[in-house]
Amino acid sequence: MPSRGERPEDGAGPVPAESSTLHKEELSSKIKEQKVVVDELSNLKKNRKVYRQQQNSNIFFLADRTEMLSESKNTLDELRKEYQEIENSEKTKIKK
């Protein structure tokens, strides 16, 4: 399963325009990836097993399907929110 959207840059100060565009593209890619994860988890049969990858390793652990779906949806919502904030800040800069 793809890694969830970990964002170490949270809390960072203002971002230059080039970096902001790069960050926006990266977020867009993560959003697409997360949409696929949510869709796949949503379409699984009830009796299917889901595994979560241990961070920074190749070890997988059995996980609850509904819990993973919920976490994936929350991650998607967070990514969309962050993307929207970037869009809004760019619109504000253009107006000034």
PDB file of N, CA and C in Angstrom:
ATOM      1  N   MET A   1       0.845  -1.176   0.000  1.00  0.00           N
ATOM      2  CA  MET A   1       0.000   0.000   0.000  1.00  0.00           C
ATOM      3  C   MET A   1       0.891   1.240   0.000  1.00  0.00           C
ATOM      4  N   PRO A   2       0.550   2.264  -0.764  1.00  0.00           N
ATOM      5  CA  PRO A   2       1.374   3.463  -0.822  1.00  0.00           C
ATOM      6  C   PRO A   2       1.431   4.152   0.533  1.00  0.00           C
ATOM      7  N   SER A   3       2.504   4.841   0.770  1.00  0.00           N
ATOM      8  CA  SER A   3       2.638   5.538   2.036  1.00  0.00           C
ATOM      9  C   SER A   3       1.632   6.671   2.121  1.00  0.00           C
ATOM     10  N   ARG A   4       1.205   6.947   3.324  1.00  0.00           N
ATOM     11  CA  ARG A   4       0.233   8.013   3.514  1.00  0.00           C
ATOM     12  C   ARG A   4       0.952   9.349   3.463  1.00  0.00           C
ATOM     13  N   GLY A   5       0.180  10.410   3.290  1.00  0.00           N
ATOM     14  CA  GLY A   5       0.745  11.738   3.082  1.00  0.00           C
ATOM     15  C   GLY A   5       1.400  12.331   4.307  1.00  0.00           C
ATOM     16  N   GLU A   6       2.627  11.999   4.553  1.00  0.00           N
ATOM     17  CA  GLU A   6       3.382  12.611   5.634  1.00  0.00           C
ATOM     18  C   GLU A   6       3.973  13.904   5.115  1.00  0.00           C
ATOM     19  N   ARG A   7       3.800  14.985   5.867  1.00  0.00           N
ATOM     20  CA  ARG A   7       4.249  16.286   5.391  1.00  0.00           C
ATOM     21  C   ARG A   7       5.208  16.914   6.403  1.00  0.00           C
ATOM     22  N   PRO A   8       6.502  16.635   6.280  1.00  0.00           N
ATOM     23  CA  PRO A   8       7.468  17.192   7.219  1.00  0.00           C
ATOM     24  C   PRO A   8       7.608  18.703   7.085  1.00  0.00           C
ATOM     25  N   GLU A   9       7.155  19.281   5.968  1.00  0.00           N
ATOM     26  CA  GLU A   9       7.317  20.709   5.771  1.00  0.00           C
ATOM     27  C   GLU A   9       6.238  21.533   6.458  1.00  0.00           C
ATOM     28  N   ASP A  10       5.287  20.873   7.124  1.00  0.00           N
ATOM     29  CA  ASP A  10       4.240  21.618   7.834  1.00  0.00           C
ATOM     30  C   ASP A  10       4.870  22.576   8.837  1.00  0.00           C
ATOM     31  N   GLY A  11       4.284  23.719   8.969  1.00  0.00           N
ATOM     32  CA  GLY A  11       4.779  24.701   9.917  1.00  0.00           C
ATOM     33  C   GLY A  11       5.943  25.510   9.381  1.00  0.00           C
ATOM     34  N   ALA A  12       6.353  25.252   8.181  1.00  0.00           N
ATOM     35  CA  ALA A  12       7.451  26.016   7.596  1.00  0.00           C
ATOM     36  C   ALA A  12       6.969  27.426   7.283  1.00  0.00           C
ATOM     37  N   GLY A  13       7.874  28.333   7.147  1.00  0.00           N
ATOM     38  CA  GLY A  13       7.535  29.732   6.867  1.00  0.00           C
ATOM     39  C   GLY A  13       7.063  29.935   5.448  1.00  0.00           C
ATOM     40  N   PRO A  14       7.041  31.173   4.986  1.00  0.00           N
ATOM     41  CA  PRO A  14       6.597  31.464   3.617  1.00  0.00           C
ATOM     42  C   PRO A  14       7.437  30.721   2.590  1.00  0.00           C
ATOM     43  N   VAL A  15       6.781  30.327   1.512  1.00  0.00           N
ATOM     44  CA  VAL A  15       7.440  29.522   0.486  1.00  0.00           C
ATOM     45  C   VAL A  15       7.571  30.357  -0.785  1.00  0.00           C
ATOM     46  N   PRO A  16       8.770  30.393  -1.397  1.00  0.00           N
ATOM     47  CA  PRO A  16       8.946  31.124  -2.653  1.00  0.00           C
ATOM     48  C   PRO A  16       8.036  30.563  -3.741  1.00  0.00           C
ATOM     49  N   ALA A  17       7.766  31.341  -4.778  1.00  0.00           N
ATOM     50  CA  ALA A  17       6.823  30.976  -5.829  1.00  0.00           C
ATOM     51  C   ALA A  17       7.192  29.658  -6.517  1.00  0.00           C
ATOM     52  N   GLU A  18       8.480  29.477  -6.871  1.00  0.00           N
ATOM     53  CA  GLU A  18       8.905  28.243  -7.542  1.00  0.00           C
ATOM     54  C   GLU A  18       8.640  27.038  -6.653  1.00  0.00           C
ATOM     55  N   SER A  19       9.033  27.154  -5.410  1.00  0.00           N
ATOM     56  CA  SER A  19       8.857  26.069  -4.460  1.00  0.00           C
ATOM     57  C   SER A  19       7.381  25.806  -4.215  1.00  0.00           C
ATOM     58  N   SER A  20       6.591  26.863  -4.197  1.00  0.00           N
ATOM     59  CA  SER A  20       5.148  26.734  -3.992  1.00  0.00           C
ATOM     60  C   SER A  20       4.520  25.947  -5.133  1.00  0.00           C
ATOM     61  N   THR A  21       4.929  26.230  -6.361  1.00  0.00           N
ATOM     62  CA  THR A  21       4.403  25.521  -7.524  1.00  0.00           C
ATOM     63  C   THR A  21       4.807  24.054  -7.465  1.00  0.00           C
ATOM     64  N   LEU A  22       6.049  23.800  -7.093  1.00  0.00           N
ATOM     65  CA  LEU A  22       6.530  22.431  -6.972  1.00  0.00           C
ATOM     66  C   LEU A  22       5.749  21.691  -5.891  1.00  0.00           C
ATOM     67  N   HIS A  23       5.543  22.358  -4.764  1.00  0.00           N
ATOM     68  CA  HIS A  23       4.792  21.777  -3.657  1.00  0.00           C
ATOM     69  C   HIS A  23       3.351  21.499  -4.073  1.00  0.00           C
ATOM     70  N   LYS A  24       2.789  22.402  -4.859  1.00  0.00           N
ATOM     71  CA  LYS A  24       1.414  22.246  -5.337  1.00  0.00           C
ATOM     72  C   LYS A  24       1.309  21.021  -6.253  1.00  0.00           C
ATOM     73  N   GLU A  25       2.270  20.847  -7.138  1.00  0.00           N
ATOM     74  CA  GLU A  25       2.276  19.688  -8.031  1.00  0.00           C
ATOM     75  C   GLU A  25       2.448  18.395  -7.244  1.00  0.00           C
ATOM     76  N   GLU A  26       3.298  18.441  -6.237  1.00  0.00           N
ATOM     77  CA  GLU A  26       3.515  17.278  -5.385  1.00  0.00           C
ATOM     78  C   GLU A  26       2.230  16.919  -4.636  1.00  0.00           C
ATOM     79  N   LEU A  27       1.542  17.925  -4.127  1.00  0.00           N
ATOM     80  CA  LEU A  27       0.281  17.703  -3.436  1.00  0.00           C
ATOM     81  C   LEU A  27      -0.764  17.117  -4.376  1.00  0.00           C
ATOM     82  N   SER A  28      -0.808  17.640  -5.589  1.00  0.00           N
ATOM     83  CA  SER A  28      -1.754  17.143  -6.576  1.00  0.00           C
ATOM     84  C   SER A  28      -1.505  15.658  -6.844  1.00  0.00           C
ATOM     85  N   SER A  29      -0.262  15.278  -6.942  1.00  0.00           N
ATOM     86  CA  SER A  29       0.096  13.885  -7.159  1.00  0.00           C
ATOM     87  C   SER A  29      -0.318  13.017  -5.967  1.00  0.00           C
ATOM     88  N   LYS A  30      -0.066  13.514  -4.753  1.00  0.00           N
ATOM     89  CA  LYS A  30      -0.448  12.776  -3.550  1.00  0.00           C
ATOM     90  C   LYS A  30      -1.964  12.632  -3.446  1.00  0.00           C
ATOM     91  N   ILE A  31      -2.687  13.672  -3.861  1.00  0.00           N
ATOM     92  CA  ILE A  31      -4.155  13.621  -3.831  1.00  0.00           C
ATOM     93  C   ILE A  31      -4.656  12.535  -4.781  1.00  0.00           C
ATOM     94  N   LYS A  32      -4.094  12.486  -5.982  1.00  0.00           N
ATOM     95  CA  LYS A  32      -4.483  11.448  -6.941  1.00  0.00           C
ATOM     96  C   LYS A  32      -4.207  10.060  -6.386  1.00  0.00           C
ATOM     97  N   GLU A  33      -3.038   9.901  -5.785  1.00  0.00           N
ATOM     98  CA  GLU A  33      -2.652   8.617  -5.200  1.00  0.00           C
ATOM     99  C   GLU A  33      -3.625   8.229  -4.087  1.00  0.00           C
ATOM    100  N   GLN A  34      -3.961   9.189  -3.246  1.00  0.00           N
ATOM    101  CA  GLN A  34      -4.838   8.919  -2.115  1.00  0.00           C
ATOM    102  C   GLN A  34      -6.260   8.595  -2.585  1.00  0.00           C
ATOM    103  N   LYS A  35      -6.702   9.232  -3.670  1.00  0.00           N
ATOM    104  CA  LYS A  35      -8.021   8.922  -4.237  1.00  0.00           C
ATOM    105  C   LYS A  35      -8.079   7.463  -4.663  1.00  0.00           C
ATOM    106  N   VAL A  36      -7.000   6.967  -5.264  1.00  0.00           N
ATOM    107  CA  VAL A  36      -6.939   5.574  -5.693  1.00  0.00           C
ATOM    108  C   VAL A  36      -7.004   4.647  -4.473  1.00  0.00           C
ATOM    109  N   VAL A  37      -6.271   4.988  -3.430  1.00  0.00           N
ATOM    110  CA  VAL A  37      -6.276   4.177  -2.214  1.00  0.00           C
ATOM    111  C   VAL A  37      -7.687   4.103  -1.633  1.00  0.00           C
ATOM    112  N   VAL A  38      -8.348   5.250  -1.520  1.00  0.00           N
ATOM    113  CA  VAL A  38      -9.710   5.286  -0.971  1.00  0.00           C
ATOM    114  C   VAL A  38     -10.654   4.471  -1.847  1.00  0.00           C
ATOM    115  N   ASP A  39     -10.542   4.633  -3.145  1.00  0.00           N
ATOM    116  CA  ASP A  39     -11.402   3.897  -4.066  1.00  0.00           C
ATOM    117  C   ASP A  39     -11.182   2.394  -3.951  1.00  0.00           C
ATOM    118  N   GLU A  40      -9.933   1.978  -3.903  1.00  0.00           N
ATOM    119  CA  GLU A  40      -9.624   0.552  -3.783  1.00  0.00           C
ATOM    120  C   GLU A  40     -10.158  -0.023  -2.472  1.00  0.00           C
ATOM    121  N   LEU A  41      -9.960   0.691  -1.379  1.00  0.00           N
ATOM    122  CA  LEU A  41     -10.451   0.215  -0.085  1.00  0.00           C
ATOM    123  C   LEU A  41     -11.976   0.197  -0.041  1.00  0.00           C
ATOM    124  N   SER A  42     -12.602   1.145  -0.702  1.00  0.00           N
ATOM    125  CA  SER A  42     -14.064   1.222  -0.727  1.00  0.00           C
ATOM    126  C   SER A  42     -14.666   0.045  -1.502  1.00  0.00           C
ATOM    127  N   ASN A  43     -13.957  -0.429  -2.503  1.00  0.00           N
ATOM    128  CA  ASN A  43     -14.499  -1.476  -3.365  1.00  0.00           C
ATOM    129  C   ASN A  43     -14.096  -2.887  -2.961  1.00  0.00           C
ATOM    130  N   LEU A  44     -13.372  -3.008  -1.853  1.00  0.00           N
ATOM    131  CA  LEU A  44     -12.983  -4.345  -1.397  1.00  0.00           C
ATOM    132  C   LEU A  44     -14.187  -5.078  -0.814  1.00  0.00           C
ATOM    133  N   LYS A  45     -14.211  -6.388  -1.017  1.00  0.00           N
ATOM    134  CA  LYS A  45     -15.245  -7.206  -0.384  1.00  0.00           C
ATOM    135  C   LYS A  45     -14.973  -7.250   1.120  1.00  0.00           C
ATOM    136  N   LYS A  46     -16.019  -7.467   1.879  1.00  0.00           N
ATOM    137  CA  LYS A  46     -15.910  -7.446   3.352  1.00  0.00           C
ATOM    138  C   LYS A  46     -14.914  -8.472   3.886  1.00  0.00           C
ATOM    139  N   ASN A  47     -14.791  -9.611   3.228  1.00  0.00           N
ATOM    140  CA  ASN A  47     -13.923 -10.669   3.751  1.00  0.00           C
ATOM    141  C   ASN A  47     -12.461 -10.538   3.330  1.00  0.00           C
ATOM    142  N   ARG A  48     -12.112  -9.510   2.582  1.00  0.00           N
ATOM    143  CA  ARG A  48     -10.724  -9.321   2.133  1.00  0.00           C
ATOM    144  C   ARG A  48      -9.855  -8.776   3.262  1.00  0.00           C
ATOM    145  N   LYS A  49      -8.601  -9.188   3.242  1.00  0.00           N
ATOM    146  CA  LYS A  49      -7.656  -8.717   4.258  1.00  0.00           C
ATOM    147  C   LYS A  49      -6.898  -7.510   3.737  1.00  0.00           C
ATOM    148  N   VAL A  50      -6.594  -6.607   4.636  1.00  0.00           N
ATOM    149  CA  VAL A  50      -5.852  -5.391   4.311  1.00  0.00           C
ATOM    150  C   VAL A  50      -4.614  -5.355   5.200  1.00  0.00           C
ATOM    151  N   TYR A  51      -3.502  -4.974   4.601  1.00  0.00           N
ATOM    152  CA  TYR A  51      -2.247  -4.900   5.344  1.00  0.00           C
ATOM    153  C   TYR A  51      -1.702  -3.483   5.290  1.00  0.00           C
ATOM    154  N   ARG A  52      -1.089  -3.083   6.387  1.00  0.00           N
ATOM    155  CA  ARG A  52      -0.461  -1.765   6.476  1.00  0.00           C
ATOM    156  C   ARG A  52       1.042  -1.967   6.527  1.00  0.00           C
ATOM    157  N   GLN A  53       1.753  -1.168   5.728  1.00  0.00           N
ATOM    158  CA  GLN A  53       3.211  -1.265   5.703  1.00  0.00           C
ATOM    159  C   GLN A  53       3.793  -0.492   6.879  1.00  0.00           C
ATOM    160  N   GLN A  54       4.713  -1.136   7.575  1.00  0.00           N
ATOM    161  CA  GLN A  54       5.410  -0.479   8.663  1.00  0.00           C
ATOM    162  C   GLN A  54       6.268   0.630   8.059  1.00  0.00           C
ATOM    163  N   GLN A  55       6.220   1.798   8.679  1.00  0.00           N
ATOM    164  CA  GLN A  55       6.944   2.942   8.141  1.00  0.00           C
ATOM    165  C   GLN A  55       8.442   2.654   8.038  1.00  0.00           C
ATOM    166  N   ASN A  56       9.024   3.025   6.909  1.00  0.00           N
ATOM    167  CA  ASN A  56      10.469   2.874   6.640  1.00  0.00           C
ATOM    168  C   ASN A  56      10.955   1.425   6.668  1.00  0.00           C
ATOM    169  N   SER A  57      10.077   0.479   6.291  1.00  0.00           N
ATOM    170  CA  SER A  57      10.517  -0.912   6.221  1.00  0.00           C
ATOM    171  C   SER A  57       9.643  -1.677   5.234  1.00  0.00           C
ATOM    172  N   ASN A  58       9.976  -2.927   5.029  1.00  0.00           N
ATOM    173  CA  ASN A  58       9.193  -3.773   4.145  1.00  0.00           C
ATOM    174  C   ASN A  58       8.360  -4.780   4.934  1.00  0.00           C
ATOM    175  N   ILE A  59       7.985  -4.411   6.148  1.00  0.00           N
ATOM    176  CA  ILE A  59       7.182  -5.284   6.999  1.00  0.00           C
ATOM    177  C   ILE A  59       5.731  -4.824   6.950  1.00  0.00           C
ATOM    178  N   PHE A  60       4.816  -5.793   6.776  1.00  0.00           N
ATOM    179  CA  PHE A  60       3.393  -5.484   6.692  1.00  0.00           C
ATOM    180  C   PHE A  60       2.654  -6.127   7.856  1.00  0.00           C
ATOM    181  N   PHE A  61       1.632  -5.425   8.367  1.00  0.00           N
ATOM    182  CA  PHE A  61       0.811  -5.935   9.458  1.00  0.00           C
ATOM    183  C   PHE A  61      -0.646  -5.925   9.044  1.00  0.00           C
ATOM    184  N   LEU A  62      -1.377  -6.927   9.483  1.00  0.00           N
ATOM    185  CA  LEU A  62      -2.802  -7.004   9.206  1.00  0.00           C
ATOM    186  C   LEU A  62      -3.495  -5.809   9.850  1.00  0.00           C
ATOM    187  N   ALA A  63      -4.404  -5.167   9.105  1.00  0.00           N
ATOM    188  CA  ALA A  63      -5.097  -3.977   9.605  1.00  0.00           C
ATOM    189  C   ALA A  63      -6.591  -4.119   9.347  1.00  0.00           C
ATOM    190  N   ASP A  64      -7.376  -3.347  10.068  1.00  0.00           N
ATOM    191  CA  ASP A  64      -8.815  -3.343   9.896  1.00  0.00           C
ATOM    192  C   ASP A  64      -9.171  -2.524   8.652  1.00  0.00           C
ATOM    193  N   ARG A  65      -9.977  -3.104   7.770  1.00  0.00           N
ATOM    194  CA  ARG A  65     -10.333  -2.465   6.503  1.00  0.00           C
ATOM    195  C   ARG A  65     -11.059  -1.141   6.713  1.00  0.00           C
ATOM    196  N   THR A  66     -12.032  -1.120   7.618  1.00  0.00           N
ATOM    197  CA  THR A  66     -12.805   0.113   7.837  1.00  0.00           C
ATOM    198  C   THR A  66     -11.945   1.204   8.470  1.00  0.00           C
ATOM    199  N   GLU A  67     -11.038   0.793   9.332  1.00  0.00           N
ATOM    200  CA  GLU A  67     -10.136   1.766   9.955  1.00  0.00           C
ATOM    201  C   GLU A  67      -9.186   2.371   8.914  1.00  0.00           C
ATOM    202  N   MET A  68      -8.665   1.517   8.059  1.00  0.00           N
ATOM    203  CA  MET A  68      -7.761   1.995   6.997  1.00  0.00           C
ATOM    204  C   MET A  68      -8.505   2.924   6.037  1.00  0.00           C
ATOM    205  N   LEU A  69      -9.747   2.580   5.708  1.00  0.00           N
ATOM    206  CA  LEU A  69     -10.550   3.425   4.821  1.00  0.00           C
ATOM    207  C   LEU A  69     -10.781   4.787   5.463  1.00  0.00           C
ATOM    208  N   SER A  70     -11.119   4.789   6.731  1.00  0.00           N
ATOM    209  CA  SER A  70     -11.351   6.042   7.449  1.00  0.00           C
ATOM    210  C   SER A  70     -10.093   6.906   7.486  1.00  0.00           C
ATOM    211  N   GLU A  71      -8.955   6.295   7.794  1.00  0.00           N
ATOM    212  CA  GLU A  71      -7.687   7.026   7.836  1.00  0.00           C
ATOM    213  C   GLU A  71      -7.324   7.577   6.456  1.00  0.00           C
ATOM    214  N   SER A  72      -7.571   6.775   5.433  1.00  0.00           N
ATOM    215  CA  SER A  72      -7.251   7.210   4.071  1.00  0.00           C
ATOM    216  C   SER A  72      -8.122   8.390   3.652  1.00  0.00           C
ATOM    217  N   LYS A  73      -9.401   8.358   4.023  1.00  0.00           N
ATOM    218  CA  LYS A  73     -10.297   9.473   3.717  1.00  0.00           C
ATOM    219  C   LYS A  73      -9.868  10.733   4.452  1.00  0.00           C
ATOM    220  N   ASN A  74      -9.465  10.581   5.712  1.00  0.00           N
ATOM    221  CA  ASN A  74      -8.987  11.742   6.483  1.00  0.00           C
ATOM    222  C   ASN A  74      -7.726  12.325   5.858  1.00  0.00           C
ATOM    223  N   THR A  75      -6.820  11.463   5.439  1.00  0.00           N
ATOM    224  CA  THR A  75      -5.593  11.926   4.795  1.00  0.00           C
ATOM    225  C   THR A  75      -5.917  12.671   3.503  1.00  0.00           C
ATOM    226  N   LEU A  76      -6.850  12.131   2.725  1.00  0.00           N
ATOM    227  CA  LEU A  76      -7.272  12.785   1.487  1.00  0.00           C
ATOM    228  C   LEU A  76      -7.864  14.159   1.777  1.00  0.00           C
ATOM    229  N   ASP A  77      -8.704  14.262   2.801  1.00  0.00           N
ATOM    230  CA  ASP A  77      -9.290  15.546   3.178  1.00  0.00           C
ATOM    231  C   ASP A  77      -8.223  16.562   3.587  1.00  0.00           C
ATOM    232  N   GLU A  78      -7.214  16.099   4.336  1.00  0.00           N
ATOM    233  CA  GLU A  78      -6.123  16.982   4.757  1.00  0.00           C
ATOM    234  C   GLU A  78      -5.326  17.478   3.552  1.00  0.00           C
ATOM    235  N   LEU A  79      -5.048  16.580   2.628  1.00  0.00           N
ATOM    236  CA  LEU A  79      -4.296  16.961   1.427  1.00  0.00           C
ATOM    237  C   LEU A  79      -5.084  17.966   0.595  1.00  0.00           C
ATOM    238  N   ARG A  80      -6.379  17.728   0.438  1.00  0.00           N
ATOM    239  CA  ARG A  80      -7.223  18.655  -0.320  1.00  0.00           C
ATOM    240  C   ARG A  80      -7.268  20.020   0.348  1.00  0.00           C
ATOM    241  N   LYS A  81      -7.355  20.026   1.671  1.00  0.00           N
ATOM    242  CA  LYS A  81      -7.388  21.286   2.420  1.00  0.00           C
ATOM    243  C   LYS A  81      -6.093  22.066   2.203  1.00  0.00           C
ATOM    244  N   GLU A  82      -4.972  21.377   2.306  1.00  0.00           N
ATOM    245  CA  GLU A  82      -3.672  22.024   2.113  1.00  0.00           C
ATOM    246  C   GLU A  82      -3.543  22.566   0.689  1.00  0.00           C
ATOM    247  N   TYR A  83      -4.007  21.785  -0.288  1.00  0.00           N
ATOM    248  CA  TYR A  83      -3.968  22.210  -1.687  1.00  0.00           C
ATOM    249  C   TYR A  83      -4.824  23.460  -1.880  1.00  0.00           C
ATOM    250  N   GLN A  84      -6.009  23.459  -1.261  1.00  0.00           N
ATOM    251  CA  GLN A  84      -6.913  24.605  -1.379  1.00  0.00           C
ATOM    252  C   GLN A  84      -6.302  25.854  -0.743  1.00  0.00           C
ATOM    253  N   GLU A  85      -5.612  25.683   0.370  1.00  0.00           N
ATOM    254  CA  GLU A  85      -4.946  26.816   1.030  1.00  0.00           C
ATOM    255  C   GLU A  85      -3.885  27.416   0.112  1.00  0.00           C
ATOM    256  N   ILE A  86      -3.139  26.570  -0.580  1.00  0.00           N
ATOM    257  CA  ILE A  86      -2.123  27.060  -1.516  1.00  0.00           C
ATOM    258  C   ILE A  86      -2.793  27.819  -2.654  1.00  0.00           C
ATOM    259  N   GLU A  87      -3.879  27.247  -3.190  1.00  0.00           N
ATOM    260  CA  GLU A  87      -4.623  27.913  -4.275  1.00  0.00           C
ATOM    261  C   GLU A  87      -5.112  29.287  -3.814  1.00  0.00           C
ATOM    262  N   ASN A  88      -5.680  29.336  -2.621  1.00  0.00           N
ATOM    263  CA  ASN A  88      -6.211  30.601  -2.092  1.00  0.00           C
ATOM    264  C   ASN A  88      -5.107  31.625  -1.869  1.00  0.00           C
ATOM    265  N   SER A  89      -3.957  31.184  -1.383  1.00  0.00           N
ATOM    266  CA  SER A  89      -2.852  32.121  -1.150  1.00  0.00           C
ATOM    267  C   SER A  89      -2.314  32.655  -2.475  1.00  0.00           C
ATOM    268  N   GLU A  90      -2.314  31.809  -3.516  1.00  0.00           N
ATOM    269  CA  GLU A  90      -1.874  32.283  -4.840  1.00  0.00           C
ATOM    270  C   GLU A  90      -2.859  33.305  -5.410  1.00  0.00           C
ATOM    271  N   LYS A  91      -4.134  33.079  -5.209  1.00  0.00           N
ATOM    272  CA  LYS A  91      -5.154  34.025  -5.682  1.00  0.00           C
ATOM    273  C   LYS A  91      -5.018  35.353  -4.951  1.00  0.00           C
ATOM    274  N   THR A  92      -4.715  35.292  -3.659  1.00  0.00           N
ATOM    275  CA  THR A  92      -4.548  36.503  -2.875  1.00  0.00           C
ATOM    276  C   THR A  92      -3.333  37.281  -3.360  1.00  0.00           C
ATOM    277  N   LYS A  93      -2.244  36.582  -3.680  1.00  0.00           N
ATOM    278  CA  LYS A  93      -1.032  37.243  -4.176  1.00  0.00           C
ATOM    279  C   LYS A  93      -1.306  37.916  -5.527  1.00  0.00           C
ATOM    280  N   ILE A  94      -2.099  37.270  -6.367  1.00  0.00           N
ATOM    281  CA  ILE A  94      -2.407  37.832  -7.674  1.00  0.00           C
ATOM    282  C   ILE A  94      -3.230  39.121  -7.529  1.00  0.00           C
ATOM    283  N   LYS A  95      -4.149  39.149  -6.581  1.00  0.00           N
ATOM    284  CA  LYS A  95      -5.004  40.316  -6.382  1.00  0.00           C
ATOM    285  C   LYS A  95      -4.215  41.522  -5.897  1.00  0.00           C
ATOM    286  N   LYS A  96      -3.131  41.278  -5.165  1.00  0.00           N
ATOM    287  CA  LYS A  96      -2.356  42.391  -4.590  1.00  0.00           C
ATOM    288  C   LYS A  96      -1.556  43.111  -5.602  1.00  0.00           C
TER     289      LYS A  96
END
